[in-house]
Amino acid sequence: MHPKEDGFKFPAEWLQHKATWLSFPWNVETWEDRLPRIYPSYFKFIKEISEVEQVNINVGNSQVKTIIEKQLALRHMENDNILLHDFPTNDSWCRDHGPSFVVNSTTKEKRIVDWQYNAWGGKYPPYNHDNEIPTRVAEMLNLQTYKPGIIMEGGSIEVNGAGSLLTSKSCLLNKNRNPDLNQREIESFLMNYYGVEQILWIEDGIVGDDTDGHVDDTTRFVNENTVLTVMESNRHDDNYEILKRNFEQLKKMKLINGESLNIIELPMPDPVIDNELRLPASYANFYMCNGKVLVPTYNCKKDDLALGIIADCFPERKVVGIDSKEIIWGLGSLHCLSQQEPKV
């Protein structure tokens, strides 16, 4: 059996959460000397979430737990809403290795889909501890798990909560994930384990994205029929043609009800380059928690414009910008760092 047969589906991110799951950044191979420099923004992220819902943090190891406790005390953030869990991790990208919670709205049950994880096509071994996180969370919460047995990352998909799932060909059809599966077979897994009715495909992701094109850097559902999609205005930028092509594909899509997508354009920030490396900075990598939208900013003149566009999409939520110029060095941002646990 799979979730769809059992009446379960992956809920839209804007629905009510019980908690947010994080895996604390500690791996110096990812962050090099940046770790202390990301703390101000990372702990602001924790603080903003903890004000409205529980925050569960996979601490990595005992030394990391001590660091977290000291940082929380230093910032006067000791909080019953912030819980630390002694689950070993390899890295910090909980969107991709964390538990995918599915819910049955009739029975009010919650279960976990335990996808396999290989660090974006085996790019960053080891990843054994990260691959075990869904199992550990399920055991702690005493939740039943589904094990599809294929590679899947949370940042590679977007759902609208009404039967549609959006993803990118550059990622899910990449042979470094599931080389024995064709597009039709991957669509079958997506529909059965996320509990959706249709799969919508865009082409590619932004330059600098080492995930091979995760959709959470390009196009996000903000309600059942509306997407925010990033666009590059500079024709000479490497992202210009990529994002233009994605936009043209979005314009041709039809939802299950036969309606076209309502498409709202979101600017790309100015290129963020560090040590001659183009980093995957995008305003689309925002995170929706209870009553808030937490948006990565880049100390850029387009920050206010992007925050305003996102705020217009969420009139009932507080939109908070969080400086992510140091965080993006790890090649991900706020959405990549987090995974929601829905309330049932």
Protein backbone atom coordinates (compact mmCIF):
# COMPACT_ATOMS: atom_id res chain seq x y z
CA MET A 1 0.00 0.00 0.00
CA HIS A 2 1.02 3.61 -0.49
CA PRO A 3 -0.26 6.92 0.93
CA LYS A 4 -2.68 7.70 -1.86
CA GLU A 5 -4.42 4.33 -1.52
CA ASP A 6 -4.66 4.89 2.24
CA GLY A 7 -6.17 8.38 1.84
CA PHE A 8 -3.02 10.35 2.74
CA LYS A 9 -1.45 13.30 0.96
CA PHE A 10 1.34 15.83 1.41
CA PRO A 11 -0.33 19.08 2.52
CA ALA A 12 0.42 22.54 1.18
CA GLU A 13 3.04 24.40 3.19
CA TRP A 14 0.70 27.30 4.01
CA LEU A 15 -1.63 25.08 6.04
CA GLN A 16 -1.28 24.98 9.82
CA HIS A 17 1.93 23.43 11.18
CA LYS A 18 2.52 21.52 14.37
CA ALA A 19 6.26 22.07 14.08
CA THR A 20 9.26 22.80 11.89
CA TRP A 21 12.21 20.40 11.67
CA LEU A 22 15.78 21.63 11.24
CA SER A 23 19.20 19.96 11.11
CA PHE A 24 21.70 22.27 12.72
CA PRO A 25 24.63 23.40 10.52
CA TRP A 26 27.93 22.02 11.80
CA ASN A 27 29.77 20.43 8.87
CA VAL A 28 32.92 22.49 8.17
CA GLU A 29 33.29 20.86 4.75
CA THR A 30 30.09 22.65 3.75
CA TRP A 31 30.52 25.88 5.70
CA GLU A 32 34.33 26.18 6.01
CA ASP A 33 35.02 29.22 8.24
CA ARG A 34 31.48 30.56 7.78
CA LEU A 35 29.82 28.69 10.62
CA PRO A 36 30.00 31.44 13.28
CA ARG A 37 29.08 34.00 10.62
CA ILE A 38 25.76 32.31 9.81
CA TYR A 39 24.65 32.16 13.47
CA PRO A 40 22.98 35.61 13.60
CA SER A 41 20.72 34.82 10.66
CA TYR A 42 20.20 31.15 11.52
CA PHE A 43 19.16 31.88 15.09
CA LYS A 44 16.89 34.68 13.89
CA PHE A 45 15.27 32.04 11.68
CA ILE A 46 14.81 29.77 14.71
CA LYS A 47 13.45 32.64 16.80
CA GLU A 48 10.88 33.71 14.21
CA ILE A 49 9.57 30.16 13.84
CA SER A 50 9.58 29.40 17.57
CA GLU A 51 7.30 32.38 18.21
CA VAL A 52 4.51 30.66 16.28
CA GLU A 53 5.22 26.92 16.36
CA GLN A 54 7.49 24.25 17.78
CA VAL A 55 11.02 23.95 16.41
CA ASN A 56 12.64 20.50 16.43
CA ILE A 57 16.39 20.58 15.83
CA ASN A 58 18.48 17.54 14.89
CA VAL A 59 21.69 18.42 16.71
CA GLY A 60 24.25 16.23 14.93
CA ASN A 61 26.43 15.31 17.93
CA SER A 62 27.03 16.21 21.57
CA GLN A 63 29.52 18.97 20.78
CA VAL A 64 27.01 20.60 18.46
CA LYS A 65 24.31 20.34 21.13
CA THR A 66 26.54 22.30 23.51
CA ILE A 67 27.08 25.00 20.86
CA ILE A 68 23.33 25.32 20.28
CA GLU A 69 22.55 25.55 23.98
CA LYS A 70 25.19 28.26 24.46
CA GLN A 71 23.94 30.24 21.47
CA LEU A 72 20.31 30.01 22.64
CA ALA A 73 21.31 31.23 26.11
CA LEU A 74 23.45 34.02 24.67
CA ARG A 75 20.46 35.26 22.65
CA HIS A 76 17.97 34.75 25.52
CA MET A 77 16.13 32.21 23.37
CA GLU A 78 15.64 29.39 25.86
CA ASN A 79 12.15 28.42 24.86
CA ASP A 80 9.81 25.50 25.48
CA ASN A 81 9.06 25.65 21.76
CA ILE A 82 12.68 24.79 20.82
CA LEU A 83 13.48 21.09 21.26
CA LEU A 84 16.86 19.47 20.61
CA HIS A 85 17.08 15.87 19.42
CA ASP A 86 20.20 13.71 19.59
CA PHE A 87 19.93 12.52 15.99
CA PRO A 88 23.26 12.31 14.12
CA THR A 89 23.41 14.27 10.86
CA ASN A 90 25.89 14.82 8.04
CA ASP A 91 24.67 18.24 6.94
CA SER A 92 22.01 20.90 7.43
CA TRP A 93 19.57 20.58 4.51
CA CYS A 94 16.52 19.18 6.28
CA ARG A 95 14.18 20.01 3.40
CA ASP A 96 15.86 17.27 1.42
CA HIS A 97 16.74 14.63 4.01
CA GLY A 98 14.06 15.28 6.61
CA PRO A 99 10.71 13.53 7.07
CA SER A 100 7.96 14.08 4.50
CA PHE A 101 4.74 14.13 6.53
CA VAL A 102 1.51 13.03 4.88
CA VAL A 103 -1.92 13.38 6.47
CA ASN A 104 -5.36 11.82 6.22
CA SER A 105 -7.83 14.67 6.67
CA THR A 106 -10.70 12.27 7.45
CA THR A 107 -9.05 10.16 10.16
CA LYS A 108 -6.73 12.99 11.34
CA GLU A 109 -3.77 10.61 11.12
CA LYS A 110 -0.22 11.54 10.21
CA ARG A 111 2.45 9.32 8.66
CA ILE A 112 5.93 9.74 7.20
CA VAL A 113 7.21 8.99 3.72
CA ASP A 114 10.81 7.85 4.12
CA TRP A 115 12.38 8.57 0.75
CA GLN A 116 15.98 7.55 0.11
CA TYR A 117 18.55 10.35 0.06
CA ASN A 118 21.92 10.40 -1.70
CA ALA A 119 23.08 14.04 -1.30
CA TRP A 120 21.95 15.22 -4.74
CA GLY A 121 23.34 12.42 -6.82
CA GLY A 122 26.19 11.38 -4.54
CA LYS A 123 27.89 14.77 -4.66
CA TYR A 124 28.67 15.08 -0.94
CA PRO A 125 29.37 11.79 0.86
CA PRO A 126 28.89 10.63 3.50
CA TYR A 127 25.14 11.04 3.84
CA ASN A 128 24.25 7.94 5.86
CA HIS A 129 23.09 9.82 8.96
CA ASP A 130 20.95 12.25 6.97
CA ASN A 131 19.32 9.31 5.18
CA GLU A 132 18.26 7.92 8.58
CA ILE A 133 16.57 11.09 9.87
CA PRO A 134 13.02 10.20 8.69
CA THR A 135 13.28 6.80 10.38
CA ARG A 136 14.49 8.33 13.64
CA VAL A 137 11.73 10.95 13.63
CA ALA A 138 9.08 8.33 12.88
CA GLU A 139 10.31 6.15 15.75
CA MET A 140 10.30 9.10 18.16
CA LEU A 141 6.79 10.19 17.14
CA ASN A 142 5.55 6.59 16.84
CA LEU A 143 4.35 7.18 13.28
CA GLN A 144 3.90 4.62 10.53
CA THR A 145 6.28 5.01 7.58
CA TYR A 146 6.09 4.38 3.86
CA LYS A 147 9.33 3.43 2.12
CA PRO A 148 9.14 4.05 -1.65
CA GLY A 149 12.76 2.92 -2.10
CA ILE A 150 13.73 5.68 -4.53
CA ILE A 151 15.75 8.90 -4.23
CA MET A 152 13.63 12.00 -3.65
CA GLU A 153 14.38 15.40 -2.10
CA GLY A 154 11.82 17.71 -0.53
CA GLY A 155 13.16 20.80 -2.31
CA SER A 156 12.56 19.20 -5.69
CA ILE A 157 8.76 19.40 -5.45
CA GLU A 158 5.98 21.92 -4.80
CA VAL A 159 2.33 21.03 -4.12
CA ASN A 160 -0.78 23.21 -4.21
CA GLY A 161 -2.83 21.05 -1.84
CA ALA A 162 -5.43 20.54 -4.56
CA GLY A 163 -3.92 17.64 -6.48
CA SER A 164 -1.07 19.31 -8.41
CA LEU A 165 2.67 18.82 -7.96
CA LEU A 166 5.31 20.96 -9.69
CA THR A 167 8.87 19.79 -10.29
CA SER A 168 11.82 20.16 -12.68
CA LYS A 169 13.11 17.83 -15.36
CA SER A 170 16.74 18.77 -14.71
CA CYS A 171 16.51 17.30 -11.21
CA LEU A 172 14.05 14.41 -11.15
CA LEU A 173 14.99 13.07 -14.58
CA ASN A 174 18.70 13.29 -13.80
CA LYS A 175 20.31 9.86 -13.98
CA ASN A 176 22.27 10.52 -10.77
CA ARG A 177 19.05 9.98 -8.78
CA ASN A 178 17.01 7.05 -10.12
CA PRO A 179 18.70 5.90 -13.34
CA ASP A 180 16.39 2.90 -13.81
CA LEU A 181 13.19 4.97 -13.80
CA ASN A 182 11.71 6.86 -16.75
CA GLN A 183 9.51 9.97 -16.51
CA ARG A 184 6.26 8.03 -16.40
CA GLU A 185 7.52 5.80 -13.58
CA ILE A 186 8.74 8.78 -11.56
CA GLU A 187 5.36 10.45 -12.02
CA SER A 188 3.70 7.32 -10.66
CA PHE A 189 5.83 7.45 -7.50
CA LEU A 190 5.09 11.15 -7.06
CA MET A 191 1.35 10.69 -7.42
CA ASN A 192 1.17 7.63 -5.17
CA TYR A 193 3.42 8.84 -2.36
CA TYR A 194 2.59 12.55 -2.31
CA GLY A 195 -1.10 11.85 -2.93
CA VAL A 196 -1.53 14.08 -6.00
CA GLU A 197 -3.38 13.79 -9.30
CA GLN A 198 -1.12 15.55 -11.79
CA ILE A 199 2.58 16.33 -12.29
CA LEU A 200 3.62 19.65 -13.84
CA TRP A 201 7.16 19.94 -15.22
CA ILE A 202 9.39 22.95 -15.72
CA GLU A 203 12.77 22.60 -17.35
CA ASP A 204 15.61 23.73 -15.13
CA GLY A 205 16.91 25.51 -12.04
CA ILE A 206 19.10 28.54 -11.43
CA VAL A 207 22.83 28.87 -11.99
CA GLY A 208 24.91 27.81 -8.99
CA ASP A 209 22.30 25.35 -7.70
CA ASP A 210 24.18 22.13 -6.97
CA THR A 211 20.90 20.20 -6.56
CA ASP A 212 20.50 20.06 -10.37
CA GLY A 213 17.59 22.47 -10.33
CA HIS A 214 15.34 22.30 -7.28
CA VAL A 215 12.01 23.97 -7.90
CA ASP A 216 12.02 25.73 -4.52
CA ASP A 217 14.62 28.13 -5.95
CA THR A 218 12.49 29.03 -8.96
CA THR A 219 8.72 28.58 -8.61
CA ARG A 220 6.52 28.34 -5.52
CA PHE A 221 2.80 27.80 -5.04
CA VAL A 222 1.30 30.50 -2.81
CA ASN A 223 -2.27 29.21 -3.10
CA GLU A 224 -4.09 26.54 -5.07
CA ASN A 225 -3.87 28.33 -8.42
CA THR A 226 -1.09 30.92 -8.02
CA VAL A 227 2.67 30.61 -8.32
CA LEU A 228 5.48 33.03 -7.68
CA THR A 229 8.26 32.47 -10.20
CA VAL A 230 11.62 34.21 -10.33
CA MET A 231 12.59 36.14 -13.45
CA GLU A 232 15.90 37.70 -14.46
CA SER A 233 15.68 41.14 -16.10
CA ASN A 234 19.29 41.25 -17.29
CA ARG A 235 19.44 39.63 -20.73
CA HIS A 236 23.15 39.02 -20.30
CA ASP A 237 22.75 37.07 -17.06
CA ASP A 238 23.15 33.29 -17.28
CA ASN A 239 19.75 32.84 -15.63
CA TYR A 240 17.85 34.91 -18.17
CA GLU A 241 17.10 32.25 -20.77
CA ILE A 242 16.59 29.50 -18.18
CA LEU A 243 13.94 31.43 -16.29
CA LYS A 244 12.30 32.75 -19.45
CA ARG A 245 11.88 29.16 -20.67
CA ASN A 246 10.42 28.09 -17.34
CA PHE A 247 7.98 31.01 -17.50
CA GLU A 248 6.81 29.98 -20.97
CA GLN A 249 6.21 26.44 -19.72
CA LEU A 250 4.22 27.71 -16.73
CA LYS A 251 2.00 29.77 -19.05
CA LYS A 252 0.99 26.62 -20.94
CA MET A 253 0.05 24.61 -17.86
CA LYS A 254 -3.52 23.74 -16.89
CA LEU A 255 -4.56 22.71 -13.40
CA ILE A 256 -6.90 19.81 -12.67
CA ASN A 257 -9.91 22.12 -12.87
CA GLY A 258 -8.84 23.21 -16.34
CA GLU A 259 -7.74 26.68 -15.25
CA SER A 260 -4.40 28.24 -16.18
CA LEU A 261 -1.92 29.16 -13.48
CA ASN A 262 -2.02 32.66 -12.07
CA ILE A 263 1.67 33.61 -12.45
CA ILE A 264 3.29 36.38 -10.43
CA GLU A 265 6.84 37.40 -11.29
CA LEU A 266 9.44 37.72 -8.56
CA PRO A 267 12.80 39.38 -9.30
CA MET A 268 16.10 37.63 -8.94
CA PRO A 269 18.55 39.35 -6.60
CA ASP A 270 21.73 40.79 -8.01
CA PRO A 271 24.27 37.98 -8.48
CA VAL A 272 25.87 36.87 -5.22
CA ILE A 273 29.46 35.92 -5.97
CA ASP A 274 32.00 34.84 -3.39
CA ASN A 275 35.55 33.76 -4.20
CA GLU A 276 34.52 33.81 -7.88
CA LEU A 277 31.72 31.31 -7.14
CA ARG A 278 28.18 32.17 -8.30
CA LEU A 279 25.86 31.25 -5.43
CA PRO A 280 22.21 30.15 -5.90
CA ALA A 281 20.63 33.23 -4.32
CA SER A 282 16.87 33.43 -4.87
CA TYR A 283 13.95 35.12 -3.14
CA ALA A 284 11.82 32.08 -3.99
CA ASN A 285 13.52 30.06 -1.25
CA PHE A 286 11.18 31.46 1.41
CA TYR A 287 9.58 29.42 4.19
CA MET A 288 5.94 29.57 5.27
CA CYS A 289 5.37 28.94 8.98
CA ASN A 290 2.26 29.68 11.05
CA GLY A 291 1.26 33.28 10.36
CA LYS A 292 4.59 34.24 8.78
CA VAL A 293 6.62 34.05 5.60
CA LEU A 294 10.38 34.10 6.20
CA VAL A 295 12.21 35.40 3.14
CA PRO A 296 15.94 35.28 2.37
CA THR A 297 17.43 38.68 1.57
CA TYR A 298 20.85 39.51 0.15
CA ASN A 299 21.64 43.12 1.09
CA CYS A 300 20.53 44.06 -2.39
CA LYS A 301 18.48 46.93 -3.80
CA LYS A 302 15.85 44.41 -4.95
CA ASP A 303 15.21 43.08 -1.42
CA ASP A 304 12.38 45.51 -0.65
CA LEU A 305 10.71 44.91 -4.01
CA ALA A 306 10.76 41.15 -3.48
CA LEU A 307 9.46 41.45 0.09
CA GLY A 308 6.62 43.65 -1.14
CA ILE A 309 5.59 41.21 -3.87
CA ILE A 310 5.59 38.31 -1.43
CA ALA A 311 3.67 40.35 1.14
CA ASP A 312 0.97 41.05 -1.45
CA CYS A 313 0.55 37.29 -1.88
CA PHE A 314 0.13 36.74 1.86
CA PRO A 315 -1.97 39.62 3.24
CA GLU A 316 -2.81 37.63 6.39
CA ARG A 317 0.80 36.82 7.24
CA LYS A 318 3.77 38.72 8.58
CA VAL A 319 6.57 38.78 6.00
CA VAL A 320 10.06 38.83 7.56
CA GLY A 321 13.30 39.28 5.66
CA ILE A 322 16.32 37.38 6.98
CA ASP A 323 19.79 38.28 5.74
CA SER A 324 21.05 35.17 3.93
CA LYS A 325 24.28 36.39 2.35
CA GLU A 326 26.29 34.14 4.66
CA ILE A 327 23.81 31.24 4.64
CA ILE A 328 23.79 31.07 0.84
CA TRP A 329 27.50 30.15 0.97
CA GLY A 330 26.27 26.66 1.88
CA LEU A 331 24.41 26.63 -1.49
CA GLY A 332 20.95 26.75 0.05
CA SER A 333 18.72 29.05 2.05
CA LEU A 334 15.73 29.14 4.41
CA HIS A 335 13.43 26.70 2.64
CA CYS A 336 16.29 24.28 2.05
CA LEU A 337 17.07 24.30 5.78
CA SER A 338 13.55 23.48 6.99
CA GLN A 339 10.82 20.87 6.75
CA GLN A 340 7.30 21.39 8.08
CA GLU A 341 5.31 18.97 10.22
CA PRO A 342 1.62 19.58 9.55
CA LYS A 343 -1.00 19.87 12.25
CA VAL A 344 -3.88 17.39 12.03
